[in-house]
Amino acid sequence: MSQATPTSQLVRKRQLAVIFSVSPRTIDGWIAKRMIPYIEPNPRLHLFDPAAVKSALLAQFAIPANIPDAVLRRAELQSPS
């Protein structure tokens, strides 16, 4: 659905669930409702850009997600250059 920027770190569903403090099943629900952007290399794998997911959730709910910016920055710093 979405393409990640070169400086972003793509994460899997379980990692995204930890970042957002929700269950992997909640992530599945967001995918099914097309609430968040993701990349689907194959039907069993979804990859996410945490910053893009945060932006999508902010746009839909108009309330800040409880994700410290330090977590997002750390994900960006860990991405391969």
C-alpha atoms as a PDB file:
ATOM      1  CA  MET A   1       0.000   0.000   0.000  1.00  0.00           C
ATOM      2  CA  SER A   2       2.763   2.384   0.894  1.00  0.00           C
ATOM      3  CA  GLN A   3       6.433   2.730   0.137  1.00  0.00           C
ATOM      4  CA  ALA A   4       8.926   3.396   2.889  1.00  0.00           C
ATOM      5  CA  THR A   5      11.380   6.231   2.737  1.00  0.00           C
ATOM      6  CA  PRO A   6      15.057   5.252   2.376  1.00  0.00           C
ATOM      7  CA  THR A   7      15.818   6.293   5.973  1.00  0.00           C
ATOM      8  CA  SER A   8      12.954   4.342   7.542  1.00  0.00           C
ATOM      9  CA  GLN A   9      13.195   0.971   9.241  1.00  0.00           C
ATOM     10  CA  LEU A  10      10.600  -1.560   8.158  1.00  0.00           C
ATOM     11  CA  VAL A  11       9.332  -3.852  10.891  1.00  0.00           C
ATOM     12  CA  ARG A  12       7.213  -6.980  11.030  1.00  0.00           C
ATOM     13  CA  LYS A  13       3.776  -7.254  12.624  1.00  0.00           C
ATOM     14  CA  ARG A  14       4.998  -8.503  16.003  1.00  0.00           C
ATOM     15  CA  GLN A  15       7.580  -5.696  16.244  1.00  0.00           C
ATOM     16  CA  LEU A  16       4.943  -3.120  15.321  1.00  0.00           C
ATOM     17  CA  ALA A  17       2.640  -4.513  18.005  1.00  0.00           C
ATOM     18  CA  VAL A  18       5.384  -4.038  20.605  1.00  0.00           C
ATOM     19  CA  ILE A  19       6.104  -0.475  19.434  1.00  0.00           C
ATOM     20  CA  PHE A  20       2.418   0.474  19.688  1.00  0.00           C
ATOM     21  CA  SER A  21       1.730  -1.611  22.826  1.00  0.00           C
ATOM     22  CA  VAL A  22      -1.087  -3.567  21.180  1.00  0.00           C
ATOM     23  CA  SER A  23      -1.564  -7.220  20.299  1.00  0.00           C
ATOM     24  CA  PRO A  24      -0.614  -8.671  16.907  1.00  0.00           C
ATOM     25  CA  ARG A  25      -4.340  -9.371  16.477  1.00  0.00           C
ATOM     26  CA  THR A  26      -5.030  -5.641  16.728  1.00  0.00           C
ATOM     27  CA  ILE A  27      -2.538  -5.070  13.918  1.00  0.00           C
ATOM     28  CA  ASP A  28      -4.410  -7.723  11.888  1.00  0.00           C
ATOM     29  CA  GLY A  29      -7.629  -5.773  12.469  1.00  0.00           C
ATOM     30  CA  TRP A  30      -6.032  -2.524  11.334  1.00  0.00           C
ATOM     31  CA  ILE A  31      -4.788  -4.284   8.196  1.00  0.00           C
ATOM     32  CA  ALA A  32      -8.229  -5.770   7.471  1.00  0.00           C
ATOM     33  CA  LYS A  33      -9.859  -2.347   7.896  1.00  0.00           C
ATOM     34  CA  ARG A  34      -7.107  -0.738   5.775  1.00  0.00           C
ATOM     35  CA  MET A  35      -6.373   1.716   8.572  1.00  0.00           C
ATOM     36  CA  ILE A  36      -2.587   1.535   8.325  1.00  0.00           C
ATOM     37  CA  PRO A  37      -0.114   1.458   5.434  1.00  0.00           C
ATOM     38  CA  TYR A  38       1.889  -1.694   4.839  1.00  0.00           C
ATOM     39  CA  ILE A  39       3.952  -3.546   2.270  1.00  0.00           C
ATOM     40  CA  GLU A  40       2.953  -7.120   1.435  1.00  0.00           C
ATOM     41  CA  PRO A  41       5.857  -8.980  -0.243  1.00  0.00           C
ATOM     42  CA  ASN A  42       3.795 -12.179   0.008  1.00  0.00           C
ATOM     43  CA  PRO A  43       0.454 -13.121   1.612  1.00  0.00           C
ATOM     44  CA  ARG A  44       2.103 -14.270   4.849  1.00  0.00           C
ATOM     45  CA  LEU A  45       4.370 -11.262   5.383  1.00  0.00           C
ATOM     46  CA  HIS A  46       3.464  -7.662   6.081  1.00  0.00           C
ATOM     47  CA  LEU A  47       6.104  -4.974   6.606  1.00  0.00           C
ATOM     48  CA  PHE A  48       5.421  -1.619   8.234  1.00  0.00           C
ATOM     49  CA  ASP A  49       7.076   1.764   8.560  1.00  0.00           C
ATOM     50  CA  PRO A  50       6.304   2.763  12.192  1.00  0.00           C
ATOM     51  CA  ALA A  51       6.402   6.487  11.399  1.00  0.00           C
ATOM     52  CA  ALA A  52       3.895   6.048   8.545  1.00  0.00           C
ATOM     53  CA  VAL A  53       1.633   3.932  10.763  1.00  0.00           C
ATOM     54  CA  LYS A  54       1.765   6.580  13.495  1.00  0.00           C
ATOM     55  CA  SER A  55       0.837   9.272  10.959  1.00  0.00           C
ATOM     56  CA  ALA A  56      -2.067   7.199   9.619  1.00  0.00           C
ATOM     57  CA  LEU A  57      -3.434   6.601  13.108  1.00  0.00           C
ATOM     58  CA  LEU A  58      -3.075  10.270  14.028  1.00  0.00           C
ATOM     59  CA  ALA A  59      -4.969  11.256  10.886  1.00  0.00           C
ATOM     60  CA  GLN A  60      -7.819   8.851  11.623  1.00  0.00           C
ATOM     61  CA  PHE A  61      -8.217   9.409  15.336  1.00  0.00           C
ATOM     62  CA  ALA A  62      -6.945  12.983  15.678  1.00  0.00           C
ATOM     63  CA  ILE A  63      -5.354  12.081  19.009  1.00  0.00           C
ATOM     64  CA  PRO A  64      -1.653  11.442  19.553  1.00  0.00           C
ATOM     65  CA  ALA A  65      -0.550   7.834  19.675  1.00  0.00           C
ATOM     66  CA  ASN A  66       1.438   7.038  22.792  1.00  0.00           C
ATOM     67  CA  ILE A  67       4.708   6.269  21.010  1.00  0.00           C
ATOM     68  CA  PRO A  68       7.768   8.088  22.241  1.00  0.00           C
ATOM     69  CA  ASP A  69       9.640   9.820  19.442  1.00  0.00           C
ATOM     70  CA  ALA A  70      12.811   8.203  20.796  1.00  0.00           C
ATOM     71  CA  VAL A  71      11.449   4.787  19.752  1.00  0.00           C
ATOM     72  CA  LEU A  72      10.794   6.007  16.224  1.00  0.00           C
ATOM     73  CA  ARG A  73      14.206   7.691  16.036  1.00  0.00           C
ATOM     74  CA  ARG A  74      15.890   4.500  17.221  1.00  0.00           C
ATOM     75  CA  ALA A  75      14.115   2.564  14.454  1.00  0.00           C
ATOM     76  CA  GLU A  76      15.358   5.102  11.907  1.00  0.00           C
ATOM     77  CA  LEU A  77      18.920   4.959  13.240  1.00  0.00           C
ATOM     78  CA  GLN A  78      18.969   1.165  13.027  1.00  0.00           C
ATOM     79  CA  SER A  79      18.020   1.155   9.362  1.00  0.00           C
ATOM     80  CA  PRO A  80      20.766   0.150   6.921  1.00  0.00           C
ATOM     81  CA  SER A  81      22.129   3.097   4.939  1.00  0.00           C
END
